[in-house]
Structures are given as C-alpha cells and as structure tokens.
Amino acid sequence: MAEAIPIAVGTKTVAVTGTAEELTTRDINCTSVFLLPLTTNTDVVQLVDLTTESQKITIPSTGLTIPISNPALIKIDVAVNGEGLDWVAV
C-alpha cells in the first residue's frame, strides 16, 4: 500500500462552545481527514452532523479518520471555549 502524503494540515479551535465552526474555509480535494483533539484540551471535541447540526459525535482522544472529499464539509464544537483539534487531509 502506498504511503498517504498529506494534502493539507491545520489546527482548529472553536471560540465559543455551542457554536459549531467549519474545520476550514478552504475547499481541499482529499479522500479522508484525520482529526486529533489537542492534548491541552480539558474536555471533549465533537463532530457535528451537518444535516441537523443537533447531533454530535465525540471525537476520541486517540483521533478519528473520516472518509470525506473536502474538510470544509466538517464542523466541530467544543465543550470548553478555545479548545480544538489538529487535522490532516490526505
């Protein structure tokens, strides 16, 4: 299997809890995105379901890979203001 080379990397923090924010505003063509909560977080980071924005999935501290074609389609929320995650698109 060929090694995946990152297309884009970034860090995303959410200013205000309860206000889901896009992972990035850039349109990036990819096959998947790996999400890894920051080690400095004191509480959870959640993936937001874009169809309802009311359903949320907690991202494990070990990270989560999502098969998706564009990281701009991902929204996250946090339990504590200013916390977030690192992400890698491949």
C-alpha atoms as a PDB file:
ATOM      1  CA  MET A   1       0.000   0.000   0.000  1.00  0.00           C
ATOM      2  CA  ALA A   2       1.320   3.422  -0.924  1.00  0.00           C
ATOM      3  CA  GLU A   3       2.084   5.957   1.768  1.00  0.00           C
ATOM      4  CA  ALA A   4      -0.500   8.725   2.060  1.00  0.00           C
ATOM      5  CA  ILE A   5       1.017  12.177   1.677  1.00  0.00           C
ATOM      6  CA  PRO A   6      -0.865  14.958   3.473  1.00  0.00           C
ATOM      7  CA  ILE A   7      -2.542  17.444   1.153  1.00  0.00           C
ATOM      8  CA  ALA A   8      -3.265  19.911   3.943  1.00  0.00           C
ATOM      9  CA  VAL A   9      -2.770  20.165   7.709  1.00  0.00           C
ATOM     10  CA  GLY A  10      -4.159  22.571  10.243  1.00  0.00           C
ATOM     11  CA  THR A  11      -5.250  23.350  13.766  1.00  0.00           C
ATOM     12  CA  LYS A  12      -8.801  24.454  14.507  1.00  0.00           C
ATOM     13  CA  THR A  13     -10.045  25.970  17.751  1.00  0.00           C
ATOM     14  CA  VAL A  14     -13.633  26.964  18.482  1.00  0.00           C
ATOM     15  CA  ALA A  15     -14.038  30.335  20.179  1.00  0.00           C
ATOM     16  CA  VAL A  16     -17.434  29.766  21.818  1.00  0.00           C
ATOM     17  CA  THR A  17     -18.829  26.449  22.986  1.00  0.00           C
ATOM     18  CA  GLY A  18     -22.182  25.580  21.429  1.00  0.00           C
ATOM     19  CA  THR A  19     -21.285  27.346  18.172  1.00  0.00           C
ATOM     20  CA  ALA A  20     -20.187  24.772  15.602  1.00  0.00           C
ATOM     21  CA  GLU A  21     -17.429  26.008  13.298  1.00  0.00           C
ATOM     22  CA  GLU A  22     -16.109  24.735   9.959  1.00  0.00           C
ATOM     23  CA  LEU A  23     -12.797  22.924  10.133  1.00  0.00           C
ATOM     24  CA  THR A  24     -11.536  25.163   7.316  1.00  0.00           C
ATOM     25  CA  THR A  25     -12.995  27.598   4.809  1.00  0.00           C
ATOM     26  CA  ARG A  26     -10.667  26.297   2.070  1.00  0.00           C
ATOM     27  CA  ASP A  27     -12.016  23.802  -0.461  1.00  0.00           C
ATOM     28  CA  ILE A  28      -9.476  20.971  -0.499  1.00  0.00           C
ATOM     29  CA  ASN A  29      -9.895  17.830  -2.601  1.00  0.00           C
ATOM     30  CA  CYS A  30      -8.975  14.791  -0.478  1.00  0.00           C
ATOM     31  CA  THR A  31     -10.052  11.226   0.325  1.00  0.00           C
ATOM     32  CA  SER A  32     -10.103  11.425   4.130  1.00  0.00           C
ATOM     33  CA  VAL A  33      -9.430  13.679   7.108  1.00  0.00           C
ATOM     34  CA  PHE A  34      -7.825  12.632  10.393  1.00  0.00           C
ATOM     35  CA  LEU A  35      -8.995  14.613  13.445  1.00  0.00           C
ATOM     36  CA  LEU A  36      -6.940  14.621  16.670  1.00  0.00           C
ATOM     37  CA  PRO A  37      -8.069  16.598  19.732  1.00  0.00           C
ATOM     38  CA  LEU A  38      -5.391  18.879  21.190  1.00  0.00           C
ATOM     39  CA  THR A  39      -3.541  17.387  24.162  1.00  0.00           C
ATOM     40  CA  THR A  40      -4.135  20.641  26.049  1.00  0.00           C
ATOM     41  CA  ASN A  41      -7.943  20.250  25.888  1.00  0.00           C
ATOM     42  CA  THR A  42      -9.697  19.835  29.219  1.00  0.00           C
ATOM     43  CA  ASP A  43     -12.935  18.426  27.765  1.00  0.00           C
ATOM     44  CA  VAL A  44     -14.348  16.862  24.589  1.00  0.00           C
ATOM     45  CA  VAL A  45     -14.339  17.945  20.947  1.00  0.00           C
ATOM     46  CA  GLN A  46     -17.383  16.911  18.939  1.00  0.00           C
ATOM     47  CA  LEU A  47     -18.039  16.273  15.262  1.00  0.00           C
ATOM     48  CA  VAL A  48     -21.289  17.964  14.224  1.00  0.00           C
ATOM     49  CA  ASP A  49     -23.815  16.253  11.928  1.00  0.00           C
ATOM     50  CA  LEU A  50     -24.314  18.778   9.132  1.00  0.00           C
ATOM     51  CA  THR A  51     -27.796  17.517   8.264  1.00  0.00           C
ATOM     52  CA  THR A  52     -29.266  18.587  11.595  1.00  0.00           C
ATOM     53  CA  GLU A  53     -26.413  20.300  13.489  1.00  0.00           C
ATOM     54  CA  SER A  54     -28.088  18.997  16.650  1.00  0.00           C
ATOM     55  CA  GLN A  55     -26.492  15.547  16.643  1.00  0.00           C
ATOM     56  CA  LYS A  56     -22.868  15.416  17.764  1.00  0.00           C
ATOM     57  CA  ILE A  57     -20.272  12.640  17.966  1.00  0.00           C
ATOM     58  CA  THR A  58     -17.431  12.861  20.479  1.00  0.00           C
ATOM     59  CA  ILE A  59     -14.025  12.559  18.818  1.00  0.00           C
ATOM     60  CA  PRO A  60     -11.853  10.121  20.814  1.00  0.00           C
ATOM     61  CA  SER A  61      -8.585  11.416  22.284  1.00  0.00           C
ATOM     62  CA  THR A  62      -6.766   8.919  20.023  1.00  0.00           C
ATOM     63  CA  GLY A  63      -8.282  10.579  16.954  1.00  0.00           C
ATOM     64  CA  LEU A  64     -10.808   9.787  14.246  1.00  0.00           C
ATOM     65  CA  THR A  65     -10.458   9.303  10.487  1.00  0.00           C
ATOM     66  CA  ILE A  66     -13.399  10.388   8.344  1.00  0.00           C
ATOM     67  CA  PRO A  67     -13.712   9.353   4.699  1.00  0.00           C
ATOM     68  CA  ILE A  68     -14.697  12.663   3.118  1.00  0.00           C
ATOM     69  CA  SER A  69     -13.792  14.562  -0.051  1.00  0.00           C
ATOM     70  CA  ASN A  70     -13.396  18.042   1.459  1.00  0.00           C
ATOM     71  CA  PRO A  71     -12.503  19.103   5.043  1.00  0.00           C
ATOM     72  CA  ALA A  72     -14.602  22.272   4.599  1.00  0.00           C
ATOM     73  CA  LEU A  73     -17.639  19.982   4.957  1.00  0.00           C
ATOM     74  CA  ILE A  74     -16.680  19.181   8.565  1.00  0.00           C
ATOM     75  CA  LYS A  75     -17.929  21.202  11.533  1.00  0.00           C
ATOM     76  CA  ILE A  76     -16.765  20.785  15.111  1.00  0.00           C
ATOM     77  CA  ASP A  77     -17.882  22.027  18.508  1.00  0.00           C
ATOM     78  CA  VAL A  78     -16.140  22.024  21.875  1.00  0.00           C
ATOM     79  CA  ALA A  79     -17.215  21.757  25.494  1.00  0.00           C
ATOM     80  CA  VAL A  80     -14.764  24.472  26.623  1.00  0.00           C
ATOM     81  CA  ASN A  81     -14.202  27.800  24.833  1.00  0.00           C
ATOM     82  CA  GLY A  82     -10.958  27.962  22.859  1.00  0.00           C
ATOM     83  CA  GLU A  83     -10.280  24.234  22.664  1.00  0.00           C
ATOM     84  CA  GLY A  84      -9.999  22.289  19.424  1.00  0.00           C
ATOM     85  CA  LEU A  85      -8.033  19.834  17.325  1.00  0.00           C
ATOM     86  CA  ASP A  86      -5.332  19.219  14.772  1.00  0.00           C
ATOM     87  CA  TRP A  87      -6.327  17.827  11.388  1.00  0.00           C
ATOM     88  CA  VAL A  88      -4.691  16.244   8.372  1.00  0.00           C
ATOM     89  CA  ALA A  89      -6.309  15.815   4.940  1.00  0.00           C
ATOM     90  CA  VAL A  90      -4.973  13.034   2.686  1.00  0.00           C
END
